[in-house]
Amino acid sequence: MDDADLELRRRTYAFLVAQGRAPTAAELGDRDEVLAGWRRLHEEHALVLNPATDELRMLNPFSAVPSAYRVGVGDRWWYGNCAWDAFGICAALHEDGRIETSCPDCGEPLAVEMRKQRPDDESLLFHCLVPARHWWDDIVFT
């Protein structure tokens, strides 16, 4: 990854955090150049593109599309790709927040308050079906 791609990644994340949504390629500069940079970043696992459209799908830990994991910080909301990433959003922003989802087993609503980098309910468990070494085999499923 060269400096230009790192700068594009930084601008892409900054836009998502500030605007609450993923940017289009044209919003960050020359569309073709941005798409080429995003493709390189995708190959390096620095972000995830929708293979059918070249639109952003994931800016880990953020999801560029609605998911079951809503994360509120202050008066702003984002989506996480999974439970793990939902906690990662608070960590990435260095802020307290609220994670809202539902139990995948029974469907009951769940809400966790993050304060000083700690969840208010430490009894909850996170289970990942796919071993970490295989996450990038199909990162969207994982």
Protein backbone atom coordinates (compact mmCIF):
# COMPACT_ATOMS: atom_id res chain seq x y z
CA MET A 1 0.00 0.00 0.00
CA ASP A 2 1.52 3.32 -1.00
CA ASP A 3 1.05 6.74 0.58
CA ALA A 4 -1.64 7.76 -1.92
CA ASP A 5 -3.73 4.67 -1.09
CA LEU A 6 -3.28 5.24 2.64
CA GLU A 7 -4.43 8.83 2.19
CA LEU A 8 -7.45 7.66 0.17
CA ARG A 9 -8.28 5.19 2.93
CA ARG A 10 -8.00 7.95 5.53
CA ARG A 11 -10.28 10.27 3.52
CA THR A 12 -12.79 7.46 2.97
CA TYR A 13 -13.01 6.71 6.70
CA ALA A 14 -13.12 10.40 7.61
CA PHE A 15 -16.07 10.91 5.26
CA LEU A 16 -17.96 7.94 6.72
CA VAL A 17 -17.43 9.11 10.29
CA ALA A 18 -18.37 12.73 9.53
CA GLN A 19 -21.33 12.03 7.26
CA GLY A 20 -22.66 8.82 8.81
CA ARG A 21 -22.55 7.05 5.45
CA ALA A 22 -20.01 5.77 3.00
CA PRO A 23 -18.93 8.14 0.23
CA THR A 24 -19.37 7.55 -3.45
CA ALA A 25 -16.15 7.52 -5.45
CA ALA A 26 -17.03 10.87 -7.06
CA GLU A 27 -17.38 12.50 -3.63
CA LEU A 28 -13.70 11.85 -2.94
CA GLY A 29 -12.21 12.97 -6.25
CA ASP A 30 -11.84 11.67 -9.76
CA ARG A 31 -14.22 8.71 -9.86
CA ASP A 32 -11.94 6.40 -11.86
CA GLU A 33 -8.87 7.15 -9.73
CA VAL A 34 -10.80 6.63 -6.48
CA LEU A 35 -12.28 3.35 -7.73
CA ALA A 36 -8.83 2.13 -8.75
CA GLY A 37 -7.51 3.03 -5.30
CA TRP A 38 -10.45 1.34 -3.57
CA ARG A 39 -9.83 -1.81 -5.64
CA ARG A 40 -6.19 -1.85 -4.49
CA LEU A 41 -7.29 -1.30 -0.88
CA HIS A 42 -9.83 -4.11 -1.26
CA GLU A 43 -7.06 -6.46 -2.44
CA GLU A 44 -5.05 -5.51 0.66
CA HIS A 45 -8.09 -6.18 2.92
CA ALA A 46 -8.10 -2.50 3.95
CA LEU A 47 -11.76 -2.16 2.94
CA VAL A 48 -14.39 -4.31 1.24
CA LEU A 49 -16.14 -3.50 -2.03
CA ASN A 50 -19.36 -4.92 -3.36
CA PRO A 51 -17.97 -7.02 -6.22
CA ALA A 52 -21.00 -6.35 -8.42
CA THR A 53 -20.93 -2.55 -8.14
CA ASP A 54 -17.57 -1.36 -6.73
CA GLU A 55 -19.53 0.44 -3.99
CA LEU A 56 -18.14 0.30 -0.48
CA ARG A 57 -19.50 -2.58 1.60
CA MET A 58 -17.26 -2.49 4.68
CA LEU A 59 -14.83 -0.07 6.21
CA ASN A 60 -14.00 -2.29 9.15
CA PRO A 61 -15.34 -2.01 11.77
CA PHE A 62 -18.03 0.07 10.02
CA SER A 63 -20.61 -1.41 7.68
CA ALA A 64 -21.53 0.73 4.69
CA VAL A 65 -24.94 -0.94 4.56
CA PRO A 66 -27.53 -1.38 7.33
CA SER A 67 -26.91 -4.35 9.58
CA ALA A 68 -28.29 -5.85 12.79
CA TYR A 69 -25.63 -3.98 14.81
CA ARG A 70 -26.40 -0.29 15.38
CA VAL A 71 -23.86 1.77 17.26
CA GLY A 72 -24.66 5.18 18.70
CA VAL A 73 -22.04 7.66 19.81
CA GLY A 74 -23.39 10.99 20.96
CA ASP A 75 -26.18 11.87 18.55
CA ARG A 76 -24.67 9.88 15.63
CA TRP A 77 -25.36 6.29 14.56
CA TRP A 78 -23.40 3.84 12.45
CA TYR A 79 -23.69 0.13 11.66
CA GLY A 80 -21.17 -2.55 12.55
CA ASN A 81 -20.57 -5.60 10.38
CA CYS A 82 -20.98 -7.94 13.36
CA ALA A 83 -21.06 -7.84 17.16
CA TRP A 84 -17.26 -7.71 17.32
CA ASP A 85 -17.13 -4.75 14.94
CA ALA A 86 -19.88 -2.94 16.85
CA PHE A 87 -17.56 -2.81 19.87
CA GLY A 88 -14.76 -1.83 17.49
CA ILE A 89 -16.64 1.29 16.38
CA CYS A 90 -16.58 2.70 19.91
CA ALA A 91 -12.91 1.75 20.16
CA ALA A 92 -12.05 3.31 16.77
CA LEU A 93 -13.81 6.55 17.70
CA HIS A 94 -12.33 6.53 21.24
CA GLU A 95 -15.80 7.28 22.57
CA ASP A 96 -18.46 5.84 24.84
CA GLY A 97 -21.50 4.58 23.00
CA ARG A 98 -24.50 2.31 22.81
CA ILE A 99 -24.72 -0.91 20.82
CA GLU A 100 -28.17 -2.16 19.85
CA THR A 101 -28.91 -5.56 18.32
CA SER A 102 -30.92 -8.67 19.07
CA CYS A 103 -30.05 -12.09 20.40
CA PRO A 104 -29.38 -14.36 17.40
CA ASP A 105 -30.80 -17.30 19.38
CA CYS A 106 -34.11 -15.95 20.74
CA GLY A 107 -34.51 -12.60 18.97
CA GLU A 108 -34.79 -10.57 22.19
CA PRO A 109 -33.46 -7.00 21.87
CA LEU A 110 -30.03 -6.39 23.34
CA ALA A 111 -28.43 -3.08 24.22
CA VAL A 112 -24.96 -2.60 25.63
CA GLU A 113 -23.63 0.68 26.94
CA MET A 114 -19.90 1.19 26.44
CA ARG A 115 -18.32 3.37 29.13
CA LYS A 116 -14.60 3.92 29.48
CA GLN A 117 -13.92 1.10 26.99
CA ARG A 118 -15.96 -1.42 29.00
CA PRO A 119 -19.40 -2.89 28.32
CA ASP A 120 -22.01 -2.39 31.04
CA ASP A 121 -22.90 -6.09 30.81
CA GLU A 122 -19.83 -8.31 30.77
CA SER A 123 -21.89 -11.52 30.91
CA LEU A 124 -22.73 -11.43 27.19
CA LEU A 125 -20.84 -13.80 24.90
CA PHE A 126 -19.70 -13.38 21.32
CA HIS A 127 -19.45 -16.47 19.15
CA CYS A 128 -17.91 -16.52 15.70
CA LEU A 129 -18.82 -19.49 13.54
CA VAL A 130 -15.84 -19.10 11.22
CA PRO A 131 -12.26 -19.55 12.49
CA ALA A 132 -10.24 -16.34 12.17
CA ARG A 133 -7.87 -17.86 9.61
CA HIS A 134 -10.85 -18.20 7.24
CA TRP A 135 -12.53 -14.83 7.74
CA TRP A 136 -11.28 -13.39 4.45
CA ASP A 137 -12.43 -16.46 2.50
CA ASP A 138 -15.85 -14.74 2.59
CA ILE A 139 -15.61 -11.67 4.83
CA VAL A 140 -19.22 -10.61 4.24
CA PHE A 141 -20.55 -13.97 5.47
CA THR A 142 -18.09 -14.05 8.36
